[in-house]
Amino acid sequence: MKEIINHTIQEIDDSVKSELRTIDNSNANIIENDYCLIMDNSELIKYTSSKTSFQSPEHRIMLVKKGSIDCTLNHVDYHIVTDELLMVPANSITSIKGYSHNFNARILSFRFSKMDYADSVGYDTVKLRLGYGEKHVFDNFFQMMNFVLKTPTTDKQDFKHLVLSMLFRIKCLNTAQNGLPSPLYVDRKQAIFSQFMRLVNTTESTHQTVSYYADKIGVSANYLSVVIKEKSGRTVMDWVAMRTVAQIKKLLLDPSHLTVNQIAERLGFSSSTQLIRVFKKGAGMTPLEYQRKKK
């Protein structure tokens, strides 16, 4: 059963949830294929921090109860401390760099099958500092979810409505704290940047051209380049290169032991030589050196 815990942050294991029911395993509560609630992650974090990086198909919300944690999300560094909340959209590349000895947090992982609900999450990482009143509000959200999951007559719709309520609260606070526009009046450039990040983080094969992403979004390559540089301080190709290196790292450590040639073919490189060149530029070492270092 420990394997269930080990996968809750990276991916909810579908094989253990064929029916509508709750599984309570060391504070990991799972319902069907869509929700996982962890009220105490002190043991789970020790496992996760040993991984170089991972990509989760679920959206995640973390409320830090004690201590602090340092992580990288889509190549951006975050330091989250007590009474701060972090919302991470699905398919984000995550690396945990370290955490304090007393770190503990509550974590909600979820996925929505309908795009109407998926759009309510957005594609940007959100970090919030919670005041005295708000930290109790979000703690109550988690407590209520925990109660619903442990109730014999659990209805998934009840849980979904609690999640949607929490998302609405996060959006309102994000607007107030970070000066973001109302969701009804989203800045066009920010929307383009969000679309671009979603494409970069969900595209399996490697696309080494600005025009590919510009065509997908429906803007010119030049305009996309200007927007991404303005919004992030990085170029389109900087983001593509970082994403590519992260994909290669993940596949190099895959239990199936893929060869460099197989990884190159899977990611759309013209040759293994091209992959090695890109990886060495981004990681500072060859793929084989990276594998030896991580053994």
C-alpha atoms as a PDB file:
ATOM      1  CA  MET A   1       0.000   0.000   0.000  1.00  0.00           C
ATOM      2  CA  LYS A   2       2.975   2.304   0.413  1.00  0.00           C
ATOM      3  CA  GLU A   3       3.154   2.567  -3.376  1.00  0.00           C
ATOM      4  CA  ILE A   4      -0.177   4.392  -3.331  1.00  0.00           C
ATOM      5  CA  ILE A   5       1.367   7.157  -1.237  1.00  0.00           C
ATOM      6  CA  ASN A   6       4.458   7.295  -3.424  1.00  0.00           C
ATOM      7  CA  HIS A   7       2.388   8.127  -6.506  1.00  0.00           C
ATOM      8  CA  THR A   8      -0.116  10.609  -5.089  1.00  0.00           C
ATOM      9  CA  ILE A   9       1.959  13.695  -5.813  1.00  0.00           C
ATOM     10  CA  GLN A  10       3.247  12.495  -9.171  1.00  0.00           C
ATOM     11  CA  GLU A  11       0.153  10.702 -10.419  1.00  0.00           C
ATOM     12  CA  ILE A  12      -2.904   9.183  -8.791  1.00  0.00           C
ATOM     13  CA  ASP A  13      -2.708   5.436  -9.396  1.00  0.00           C
ATOM     14  CA  ASP A  14      -5.822   4.574 -11.405  1.00  0.00           C
ATOM     15  CA  SER A  15      -5.483   0.862 -10.691  1.00  0.00           C
ATOM     16  CA  VAL A  16      -6.623   1.245  -7.078  1.00  0.00           C
ATOM     17  CA  LYS A  17      -9.726   3.330  -7.758  1.00  0.00           C
ATOM     18  CA  SER A  18     -12.054   1.391 -10.045  1.00  0.00           C
ATOM     19  CA  GLU A  19     -15.047   2.169  -7.848  1.00  0.00           C
ATOM     20  CA  LEU A  20     -16.410   5.273  -6.179  1.00  0.00           C
ATOM     21  CA  ARG A  21     -14.857   4.933  -2.736  1.00  0.00           C
ATOM     22  CA  THR A  22     -12.362   6.479  -0.352  1.00  0.00           C
ATOM     23  CA  ILE A  23      -9.032   4.885   0.489  1.00  0.00           C
ATOM     24  CA  ASP A  24      -7.488   6.077   3.743  1.00  0.00           C
ATOM     25  CA  ASN A  25      -3.825   5.098   3.713  1.00  0.00           C
ATOM     26  CA  SER A  26      -1.427   6.996   5.979  1.00  0.00           C
ATOM     27  CA  ASN A  27      -3.436  10.198   5.547  1.00  0.00           C
ATOM     28  CA  ALA A  28      -3.778   9.822   1.764  1.00  0.00           C
ATOM     29  CA  ASN A  29      -7.481   9.895   0.863  1.00  0.00           C
ATOM     30  CA  ILE A  30      -8.355   9.049  -2.725  1.00  0.00           C
ATOM     31  CA  ILE A  31     -11.717   9.093  -4.446  1.00  0.00           C
ATOM     32  CA  GLU A  32     -12.224   7.562  -7.869  1.00  0.00           C
ATOM     33  CA  ASN A  33      -9.749   8.781 -10.490  1.00  0.00           C
ATOM     34  CA  ASP A  34     -10.087  12.450  -9.773  1.00  0.00           C
ATOM     35  CA  TYR A  35      -9.176  13.526  -6.242  1.00  0.00           C
ATOM     36  CA  CYS A  36      -6.494  12.865  -3.653  1.00  0.00           C
ATOM     37  CA  LEU A  37      -6.324  14.662  -0.308  1.00  0.00           C
ATOM     38  CA  ILE A  38      -3.296  14.519   1.999  1.00  0.00           C
ATOM     39  CA  MET A  39      -3.714  16.111   5.416  1.00  0.00           C
ATOM     40  CA  ASP A  40      -0.190  15.300   6.645  1.00  0.00           C
ATOM     41  CA  ASN A  41       2.592  14.862   4.101  1.00  0.00           C
ATOM     42  CA  SER A  42       5.591  14.582   6.445  1.00  0.00           C
ATOM     43  CA  GLU A  43       6.432  11.062   5.208  1.00  0.00           C
ATOM     44  CA  LEU A  44       5.496  11.651   1.580  1.00  0.00           C
ATOM     45  CA  ILE A  45       7.812  14.628   1.163  1.00  0.00           C
ATOM     46  CA  LYS A  46      10.846  12.479   2.029  1.00  0.00           C
ATOM     47  CA  TYR A  47      10.100  10.274  -0.964  1.00  0.00           C
ATOM     48  CA  THR A  48       9.308  13.071  -3.386  1.00  0.00           C
ATOM     49  CA  SER A  49      12.396  15.139  -2.554  1.00  0.00           C
ATOM     50  CA  SER A  50      14.611  12.271  -3.667  1.00  0.00           C
ATOM     51  CA  LYS A  51      13.404  12.661  -7.247  1.00  0.00           C
ATOM     52  CA  THR A  52      15.182  15.039  -9.625  1.00  0.00           C
ATOM     53  CA  SER A  53      11.950  16.215 -11.227  1.00  0.00           C
ATOM     54  CA  PHE A  54       8.483  14.966 -12.013  1.00  0.00           C
ATOM     55  CA  GLN A  55       5.440  15.958 -14.010  1.00  0.00           C
ATOM     56  CA  SER A  56       1.965  15.428 -12.616  1.00  0.00           C
ATOM     57  CA  PRO A  57      -1.211  15.150 -14.710  1.00  0.00           C
ATOM     58  CA  GLU A  58      -3.186  16.599 -11.793  1.00  0.00           C
ATOM     59  CA  HIS A  59      -3.606  20.154 -10.568  1.00  0.00           C
ATOM     60  CA  ARG A  60      -2.275  20.600  -7.031  1.00  0.00           C
ATOM     61  CA  ILE A  61      -2.945  22.977  -4.154  1.00  0.00           C
ATOM     62  CA  MET A  62      -0.562  23.005  -1.181  1.00  0.00           C
ATOM     63  CA  LEU A  63      -1.166  24.775   2.129  1.00  0.00           C
ATOM     64  CA  VAL A  64       2.003  24.943   4.240  1.00  0.00           C
ATOM     65  CA  LYS A  65       1.209  24.367   7.917  1.00  0.00           C
ATOM     66  CA  LYS A  66       4.743  24.368   9.308  1.00  0.00           C
ATOM     67  CA  GLY A  67       8.253  25.090   8.102  1.00  0.00           C
ATOM     68  CA  SER A  68       9.269  25.889   4.552  1.00  0.00           C
ATOM     69  CA  ILE A  69      10.021  24.241   1.223  1.00  0.00           C
ATOM     70  CA  ASP A  70      12.070  25.232  -1.834  1.00  0.00           C
ATOM     71  CA  CYS A  71      11.009  23.993  -5.241  1.00  0.00           C
ATOM     72  CA  THR A  72      11.273  24.767  -8.935  1.00  0.00           C
ATOM     73  CA  LEU A  73       8.112  24.876 -11.032  1.00  0.00           C
ATOM     74  CA  ASN A  74       8.522  25.120 -14.793  1.00  0.00           C
ATOM     75  CA  HIS A  75      12.086  26.329 -14.189  1.00  0.00           C
ATOM     76  CA  VAL A  76      11.035  29.133 -11.826  1.00  0.00           C
ATOM     77  CA  ASP A  77      12.217  28.983  -8.188  1.00  0.00           C
ATOM     78  CA  TYR A  78       9.738  29.248  -5.289  1.00  0.00           C
ATOM     79  CA  HIS A  79      10.259  29.488  -1.531  1.00  0.00           C
ATOM     80  CA  ILE A  80       7.042  28.720   0.363  1.00  0.00           C
ATOM     81  CA  VAL A  81       6.732  29.175   4.124  1.00  0.00           C
ATOM     82  CA  THR A  82       4.160  28.677   6.894  1.00  0.00           C
ATOM     83  CA  ASP A  83       0.693  30.056   6.058  1.00  0.00           C
ATOM     84  CA  GLU A  84       1.422  30.325   2.347  1.00  0.00           C
ATOM     85  CA  LEU A  85      -0.575  28.567  -0.363  1.00  0.00           C
ATOM     86  CA  LEU A  86       0.709  27.342  -3.705  1.00  0.00           C
ATOM     87  CA  MET A  87      -1.485  26.292  -6.637  1.00  0.00           C
ATOM     88  CA  VAL A  88       0.299  24.319  -9.363  1.00  0.00           C
ATOM     89  CA  PRO A  89      -1.464  23.644 -12.684  1.00  0.00           C
ATOM     90  CA  ALA A  90      -1.404  20.200 -14.260  1.00  0.00           C
ATOM     91  CA  ASN A  91       1.610  19.073 -16.304  1.00  0.00           C
ATOM     92  CA  SER A  92       3.994  21.433 -14.529  1.00  0.00           C
ATOM     93  CA  ILE A  93       7.583  20.246 -14.256  1.00  0.00           C
ATOM     94  CA  THR A  94       8.391  20.140 -10.551  1.00  0.00           C
ATOM     95  CA  SER A  95      11.662  19.715  -8.659  1.00  0.00           C
ATOM     96  CA  ILE A  96      11.869  19.843  -4.876  1.00  0.00           C
ATOM     97  CA  LYS A  97      15.188  21.372  -3.830  1.00  0.00           C
ATOM     98  CA  GLY A  98      14.878  21.134  -0.066  1.00  0.00           C
ATOM     99  CA  TYR A  99      12.669  21.636   2.969  1.00  0.00           C
ATOM    100  CA  SER A 100      12.991  22.491   6.657  1.00  0.00           C
ATOM    101  CA  HIS A 101      13.138  19.712   9.261  1.00  0.00           C
ATOM    102  CA  ASN A 102       9.666  20.606  10.539  1.00  0.00           C
ATOM    103  CA  PHE A 103       8.015  21.024   7.122  1.00  0.00           C
ATOM    104  CA  ASN A 104       4.434  19.833   6.858  1.00  0.00           C
ATOM    105  CA  ALA A 105       1.649  20.699   4.463  1.00  0.00           C
ATOM    106  CA  ARG A 106      -1.809  19.772   3.296  1.00  0.00           C
ATOM    107  CA  ILE A 107      -2.073  18.860  -0.363  1.00  0.00           C
ATOM    108  CA  LEU A 108      -4.992  18.476  -2.721  1.00  0.00           C
ATOM    109  CA  SER A 109      -4.425  16.803  -6.103  1.00  0.00           C
ATOM    110  CA  PHE A 110      -7.290  16.812  -8.578  1.00  0.00           C
ATOM    111  CA  ARG A 111      -8.224  16.561 -12.211  1.00  0.00           C
ATOM    112  CA  PHE A 112     -11.360  17.656 -14.032  1.00  0.00           C
ATOM    113  CA  SER A 113     -12.786  15.710 -16.953  1.00  0.00           C
ATOM    114  CA  LYS A 114     -14.698  18.674 -18.352  1.00  0.00           C
ATOM    115  CA  MET A 115     -12.783  21.576 -19.857  1.00  0.00           C
ATOM    116  CA  ASP A 116     -15.272  24.042 -18.347  1.00  0.00           C
ATOM    117  CA  TYR A 117     -13.938  23.104 -14.941  1.00  0.00           C
ATOM    118  CA  ALA A 118     -10.346  22.692 -16.103  1.00  0.00           C
ATOM    119  CA  ASP A 119     -10.318  26.292 -17.315  1.00  0.00           C
ATOM    120  CA  SER A 120     -11.267  27.450 -13.820  1.00  0.00           C
ATOM    121  CA  VAL A 121      -7.772  26.465 -12.665  1.00  0.00           C
ATOM    122  CA  GLY A 122      -5.842  28.357 -15.314  1.00  0.00           C
ATOM    123  CA  TYR A 123      -2.296  27.637 -16.455  1.00  0.00           C
ATOM    124  CA  ASP A 124      -0.248  29.800 -14.108  1.00  0.00           C
ATOM    125  CA  THR A 125       1.347  28.923 -10.783  1.00  0.00           C
ATOM    126  CA  VAL A 126      -0.229  30.960  -7.983  1.00  0.00           C
ATOM    127  CA  LYS A 127       1.505  31.732  -4.669  1.00  0.00           C
ATOM    128  CA  LEU A 128      -0.479  33.447  -1.911  1.00  0.00           C
ATOM    129  CA  ARG A 129       0.398  34.737   1.542  1.00  0.00           C
ATOM    130  CA  LEU A 130      -2.578  34.035   3.807  1.00  0.00           C
ATOM    131  CA  GLY A 131      -3.579  36.419   6.572  1.00  0.00           C
ATOM    132  CA  TYR A 132      -5.018  35.264   9.892  1.00  0.00           C
ATOM    133  CA  GLY A 133      -8.566  35.031   8.572  1.00  0.00           C
ATOM    134  CA  GLU A 134      -7.738  33.478   5.207  1.00  0.00           C
ATOM    135  CA  LYS A 135      -5.509  30.750   6.623  1.00  0.00           C
ATOM    136  CA  HIS A 136      -8.455  29.575   8.716  1.00  0.00           C
ATOM    137  CA  VAL A 137     -10.724  29.714   5.666  1.00  0.00           C
ATOM    138  CA  PHE A 138      -8.433  27.425   3.657  1.00  0.00           C
ATOM    139  CA  ASP A 139      -7.763  25.167   6.624  1.00  0.00           C
ATOM    140  CA  ASN A 140     -11.535  24.785   6.941  1.00  0.00           C
ATOM    141  CA  PHE A 141     -11.722  23.888   3.237  1.00  0.00           C
ATOM    142  CA  PHE A 142      -9.268  21.050   3.817  1.00  0.00           C
ATOM    143  CA  GLN A 143     -11.040  19.931   6.987  1.00  0.00           C
ATOM    144  CA  MET A 144     -14.402  19.866   5.203  1.00  0.00           C
ATOM    145  CA  MET A 145     -12.942  17.908   2.268  1.00  0.00           C
ATOM    146  CA  ASN A 146     -11.448  15.441   4.698  1.00  0.00           C
ATOM    147  CA  PHE A 147     -14.826  15.048   6.400  1.00  0.00           C
ATOM    148  CA  VAL A 148     -16.606  14.498   3.064  1.00  0.00           C
ATOM    149  CA  LEU A 149     -14.060  11.884   1.987  1.00  0.00           C
ATOM    150  CA  LYS A 150     -14.465   9.953   5.223  1.00  0.00           C
ATOM    151  CA  THR A 151     -18.263   9.995   5.087  1.00  0.00           C
ATOM    152  CA  PRO A 152     -19.755   6.610   4.035  1.00  0.00           C
ATOM    153  CA  THR A 153     -22.274   8.366   1.775  1.00  0.00           C
ATOM    154  CA  THR A 154     -19.563  10.287  -0.085  1.00  0.00           C
ATOM    155  CA  ASP A 155     -20.743  11.869  -3.325  1.00  0.00           C
ATOM    156  CA  LYS A 156     -18.028  12.980  -5.734  1.00  0.00           C
ATOM    157  CA  GLN A 157     -20.147  15.967  -6.740  1.00  0.00           C
ATOM    158  CA  ASP A 158     -20.044  17.265  -3.166  1.00  0.00           C
ATOM    159  CA  PHE A 159     -16.270  17.123  -3.201  1.00  0.00           C
ATOM    160  CA  LYS A 160     -16.067  18.765  -6.628  1.00  0.00           C
ATOM    161  CA  HIS A 161     -18.142  21.716  -5.426  1.00  0.00           C
ATOM    162  CA  LEU A 162     -15.767  22.223  -2.492  1.00  0.00           C
ATOM    163  CA  VAL A 163     -12.809  22.225  -4.887  1.00  0.00           C
ATOM    164  CA  LEU A 164     -14.494  24.756  -7.163  1.00  0.00           C
ATOM    165  CA  SER A 165     -15.255  26.978  -4.164  1.00  0.00           C
ATOM    166  CA  MET A 166     -11.607  26.862  -3.135  1.00  0.00           C
ATOM    167  CA  LEU A 167     -10.502  27.732  -6.677  1.00  0.00           C
ATOM    168  CA  PHE A 168     -12.838  30.733  -6.731  1.00  0.00           C
ATOM    169  CA  ARG A 169     -11.369  31.925  -3.421  1.00  0.00           C
ATOM    170  CA  ILE A 170      -7.840  31.541  -4.778  1.00  0.00           C
ATOM    171  CA  LYS A 171      -8.693  33.561  -7.881  1.00  0.00           C
ATOM    172  CA  CYS A 172     -10.149  36.391  -5.800  1.00  0.00           C
ATOM    173  CA  LEU A 173      -7.116  36.508  -3.503  1.00  0.00           C
ATOM    174  CA  ASN A 174      -4.722  36.322  -6.433  1.00  0.00           C
ATOM    175  CA  THR A 175      -6.438  39.312  -7.999  1.00  0.00           C
ATOM    176  CA  ALA A 176      -6.199  41.271  -4.738  1.00  0.00           C
ATOM    177  CA  GLN A 177      -2.646  40.321  -3.738  1.00  0.00           C
ATOM    178  CA  ASN A 178      -0.872  40.247  -7.069  1.00  0.00           C
ATOM    179  CA  GLY A 179      -2.780  43.015  -8.809  1.00  0.00           C
ATOM    180  CA  LEU A 180      -4.024  40.725 -11.531  1.00  0.00           C
ATOM    181  CA  PRO A 181      -7.036  41.685 -13.604  1.00  0.00           C
ATOM    182  CA  SER A 182     -10.415  40.089 -13.084  1.00  0.00           C
ATOM    183  CA  PRO A 183     -10.739  36.734 -14.890  1.00  0.00           C
ATOM    184  CA  LEU A 184     -13.288  38.424 -17.151  1.00  0.00           C
ATOM    185  CA  TYR A 185     -10.685  40.954 -18.308  1.00  0.00           C
ATOM    186  CA  VAL A 186      -7.504  38.926 -18.606  1.00  0.00           C
ATOM    187  CA  ASP A 187      -4.573  40.784 -20.153  1.00  0.00           C
ATOM    188  CA  ARG A 188      -4.054  39.478 -23.709  1.00  0.00           C
ATOM    189  CA  LYS A 189      -0.288  39.169 -23.314  1.00  0.00           C
ATOM    190  CA  GLN A 190      -0.682  37.236 -20.067  1.00  0.00           C
ATOM    191  CA  ALA A 191      -3.179  34.935 -21.781  1.00  0.00           C
ATOM    192  CA  ILE A 192      -0.706  34.307 -24.615  1.00  0.00           C
ATOM    193  CA  PHE A 193       2.085  33.572 -22.131  1.00  0.00           C
ATOM    194  CA  SER A 194      -0.181  31.139 -20.257  1.00  0.00           C
ATOM    195  CA  GLN A 195      -1.131  29.372 -23.504  1.00  0.00           C
ATOM    196  CA  PHE A 196       2.521  29.135 -24.467  1.00  0.00           C
ATOM    197  CA  MET A 197       3.532  27.628 -21.111  1.00  0.00           C
ATOM    198  CA  ARG A 198       0.712  25.100 -21.375  1.00  0.00           C
ATOM    199  CA  LEU A 199       1.895  24.061 -24.845  1.00  0.00           C
ATOM    200  CA  VAL A 200       5.541  23.815 -23.802  1.00  0.00           C
ATOM    201  CA  ASN A 201       4.697  21.666 -20.792  1.00  0.00           C
ATOM    202  CA  THR A 202       2.259  19.312 -22.518  1.00  0.00           C
ATOM    203  CA  THR A 203       3.948  18.747 -25.891  1.00  0.00           C
ATOM    204  CA  GLU A 204       5.745  15.396 -25.860  1.00  0.00           C
ATOM    205  CA  SER A 205       8.013  15.775 -28.876  1.00  0.00           C
ATOM    206  CA  THR A 206      10.643  18.475 -29.216  1.00  0.00           C
ATOM    207  CA  HIS A 207       9.730  21.397 -31.481  1.00  0.00           C
ATOM    208  CA  GLN A 208      12.678  23.718 -31.996  1.00  0.00           C
ATOM    209  CA  THR A 209      10.922  26.595 -33.777  1.00  0.00           C
ATOM    210  CA  VAL A 210       9.107  29.684 -32.553  1.00  0.00           C
ATOM    211  CA  SER A 211       6.660  29.389 -35.452  1.00  0.00           C
ATOM    212  CA  TYR A 212       5.310  26.053 -34.185  1.00  0.00           C
ATOM    213  CA  TYR A 213       4.072  27.638 -30.948  1.00  0.00           C
ATOM    214  CA  ALA A 214       2.990  30.852 -32.683  1.00  0.00           C
ATOM    215  CA  ASP A 215       0.809  28.887 -35.121  1.00  0.00           C
ATOM    216  CA  LYS A 216      -0.783  26.915 -32.274  1.00  0.00           C
ATOM    217  CA  ILE A 217      -1.629  30.110 -30.402  1.00  0.00           C
ATOM    218  CA  GLY A 218      -2.687  32.057 -33.485  1.00  0.00           C
ATOM    219  CA  VAL A 219      -0.172  34.918 -33.432  1.00  0.00           C
ATOM    220  CA  SER A 220       2.900  35.823 -35.460  1.00  0.00           C
ATOM    221  CA  ALA A 221       6.265  34.374 -34.465  1.00  0.00           C
ATOM    222  CA  ASN A 222       7.680  37.864 -33.929  1.00  0.00           C
ATOM    223  CA  TYR A 223       4.803  38.923 -31.658  1.00  0.00           C
ATOM    224  CA  LEU A 224       5.068  35.707 -29.623  1.00  0.00           C
ATOM    225  CA  SER A 225       8.808  36.292 -29.161  1.00  0.00           C
ATOM    226  CA  VAL A 226       8.188  39.829 -27.890  1.00  0.00           C
ATOM    227  CA  VAL A 227       5.412  38.744 -25.485  1.00  0.00           C
ATOM    228  CA  ILE A 228       7.333  35.826 -23.969  1.00  0.00           C
ATOM    229  CA  LYS A 229      10.449  37.943 -23.450  1.00  0.00           C
ATOM    230  CA  GLU A 230       8.399  40.751 -21.881  1.00  0.00           C
ATOM    231  CA  LYS A 231       6.428  38.477 -19.563  1.00  0.00           C
ATOM    232  CA  SER A 232       9.199  36.142 -18.426  1.00  0.00           C
ATOM    233  CA  GLY A 233      12.562  37.679 -19.194  1.00  0.00           C
ATOM    234  CA  ARG A 234      13.350  34.555 -21.232  1.00  0.00           C
ATOM    235  CA  THR A 235      13.030  33.835 -24.931  1.00  0.00           C
ATOM    236  CA  VAL A 236      10.750  31.237 -26.497  1.00  0.00           C
ATOM    237  CA  MET A 237      13.752  29.054 -27.229  1.00  0.00           C
ATOM    238  CA  ASP A 238      15.042  29.414 -23.650  1.00  0.00           C
ATOM    239  CA  TRP A 239      11.792  27.875 -22.405  1.00  0.00           C
ATOM    240  CA  VAL A 240      11.822  25.167 -25.088  1.00  0.00           C
ATOM    241  CA  ALA A 241      15.438  24.263 -24.255  1.00  0.00           C
ATOM    242  CA  MET A 242      14.725  24.036 -20.505  1.00  0.00           C
ATOM    243  CA  ARG A 243      11.657  21.903 -21.140  1.00  0.00           C
ATOM    244  CA  THR A 244      13.622  19.659 -23.508  1.00  0.00           C
ATOM    245  CA  VAL A 245      16.440  19.099 -21.011  1.00  0.00           C
ATOM    246  CA  ALA A 246      13.875  18.298 -18.296  1.00  0.00           C
ATOM    247  CA  GLN A 247      12.204  15.738 -20.590  1.00  0.00           C
ATOM    248  CA  ILE A 248      15.539  14.113 -21.395  1.00  0.00           C
ATOM    249  CA  LYS A 249      16.460  13.913 -17.695  1.00  0.00           C
ATOM    250  CA  LYS A 250      13.165  12.235 -16.906  1.00  0.00           C
ATOM    251  CA  LEU A 251      13.584   9.659 -19.672  1.00  0.00           C
ATOM    252  CA  LEU A 252      17.234   8.970 -18.789  1.00  0.00           C
ATOM    253  CA  LEU A 253      16.086   7.855 -15.325  1.00  0.00           C
ATOM    254  CA  ASP A 254      13.059   5.927 -16.605  1.00  0.00           C
ATOM    255  CA  PRO A 255      12.880   2.349 -15.238  1.00  0.00           C
ATOM    256  CA  SER A 256      12.538   1.030 -18.807  1.00  0.00           C
ATOM    257  CA  HIS A 257      16.200   2.027 -19.414  1.00  0.00           C
ATOM    258  CA  LEU A 258      15.737   3.769 -22.730  1.00  0.00           C
ATOM    259  CA  THR A 259      18.878   4.314 -24.805  1.00  0.00           C
ATOM    260  CA  VAL A 260      19.954   7.771 -25.937  1.00  0.00           C
ATOM    261  CA  ASN A 261      18.958   6.821 -29.496  1.00  0.00           C
ATOM    262  CA  GLN A 262      15.478   5.776 -28.328  1.00  0.00           C
ATOM    263  CA  ILE A 263      15.035   9.011 -26.368  1.00  0.00           C
ATOM    264  CA  ALA A 264      16.176  11.047 -29.380  1.00  0.00           C
ATOM    265  CA  GLU A 265      13.635   9.297 -31.604  1.00  0.00           C
ATOM    266  CA  ARG A 266      10.842   9.690 -29.052  1.00  0.00           C
ATOM    267  CA  LEU A 267      11.435  13.426 -28.637  1.00  0.00           C
ATOM    268  CA  GLY A 268      11.774  14.153 -32.335  1.00  0.00           C
ATOM    269  CA  PHE A 269      15.518  14.819 -32.599  1.00  0.00           C
ATOM    270  CA  SER A 270      17.113  14.223 -35.974  1.00  0.00           C
ATOM    271  CA  SER A 271      19.906  12.230 -34.309  1.00  0.00           C
ATOM    272  CA  SER A 272      21.313  11.235 -30.927  1.00  0.00           C
ATOM    273  CA  THR A 273      24.194  13.628 -31.607  1.00  0.00           C
ATOM    274  CA  GLN A 274      21.761  16.560 -31.715  1.00  0.00           C
ATOM    275  CA  LEU A 275      20.176  15.415 -28.430  1.00  0.00           C
ATOM    276  CA  ILE A 276      23.568  15.121 -26.733  1.00  0.00           C
ATOM    277  CA  ARG A 277      24.531  18.606 -27.908  1.00  0.00           C
ATOM    278  CA  VAL A 278      21.292  20.164 -26.615  1.00  0.00           C
ATOM    279  CA  PHE A 279      21.492  18.284 -23.310  1.00  0.00           C
ATOM    280  CA  LYS A 280      25.129  19.174 -22.666  1.00  0.00           C
ATOM    281  CA  LYS A 281      24.445  22.854 -23.314  1.00  0.00           C
ATOM    282  CA  GLY A 282      21.541  22.892 -20.877  1.00  0.00           C
ATOM    283  CA  ALA A 283      22.751  20.463 -18.193  1.00  0.00           C
ATOM    284  CA  GLY A 284      26.488  21.002 -18.366  1.00  0.00           C
ATOM    285  CA  MET A 285      27.182  17.294 -18.869  1.00  0.00           C
ATOM    286  CA  THR A 286      26.449  14.468 -21.292  1.00  0.00           C
ATOM    287  CA  PRO A 287      23.425  12.159 -20.860  1.00  0.00           C
ATOM    288  CA  LEU A 288      25.663   9.277 -19.745  1.00  0.00           C
ATOM    289  CA  GLU A 289      27.427  11.481 -17.186  1.00  0.00           C
ATOM    290  CA  TYR A 290      24.034  12.522 -15.848  1.00  0.00           C
ATOM    291  CA  GLN A 291      22.921   8.880 -15.514  1.00  0.00           C
ATOM    292  CA  ARG A 292      26.098   7.933 -13.646  1.00  0.00           C
ATOM    293  CA  LYS A 293      25.689  10.900 -11.297  1.00  0.00           C
ATOM    294  CA  LYS A 294      22.133   9.889 -10.406  1.00  0.00           C
ATOM    295  CA  LYS A 295      22.830   6.206  -9.786  1.00  0.00           C
END
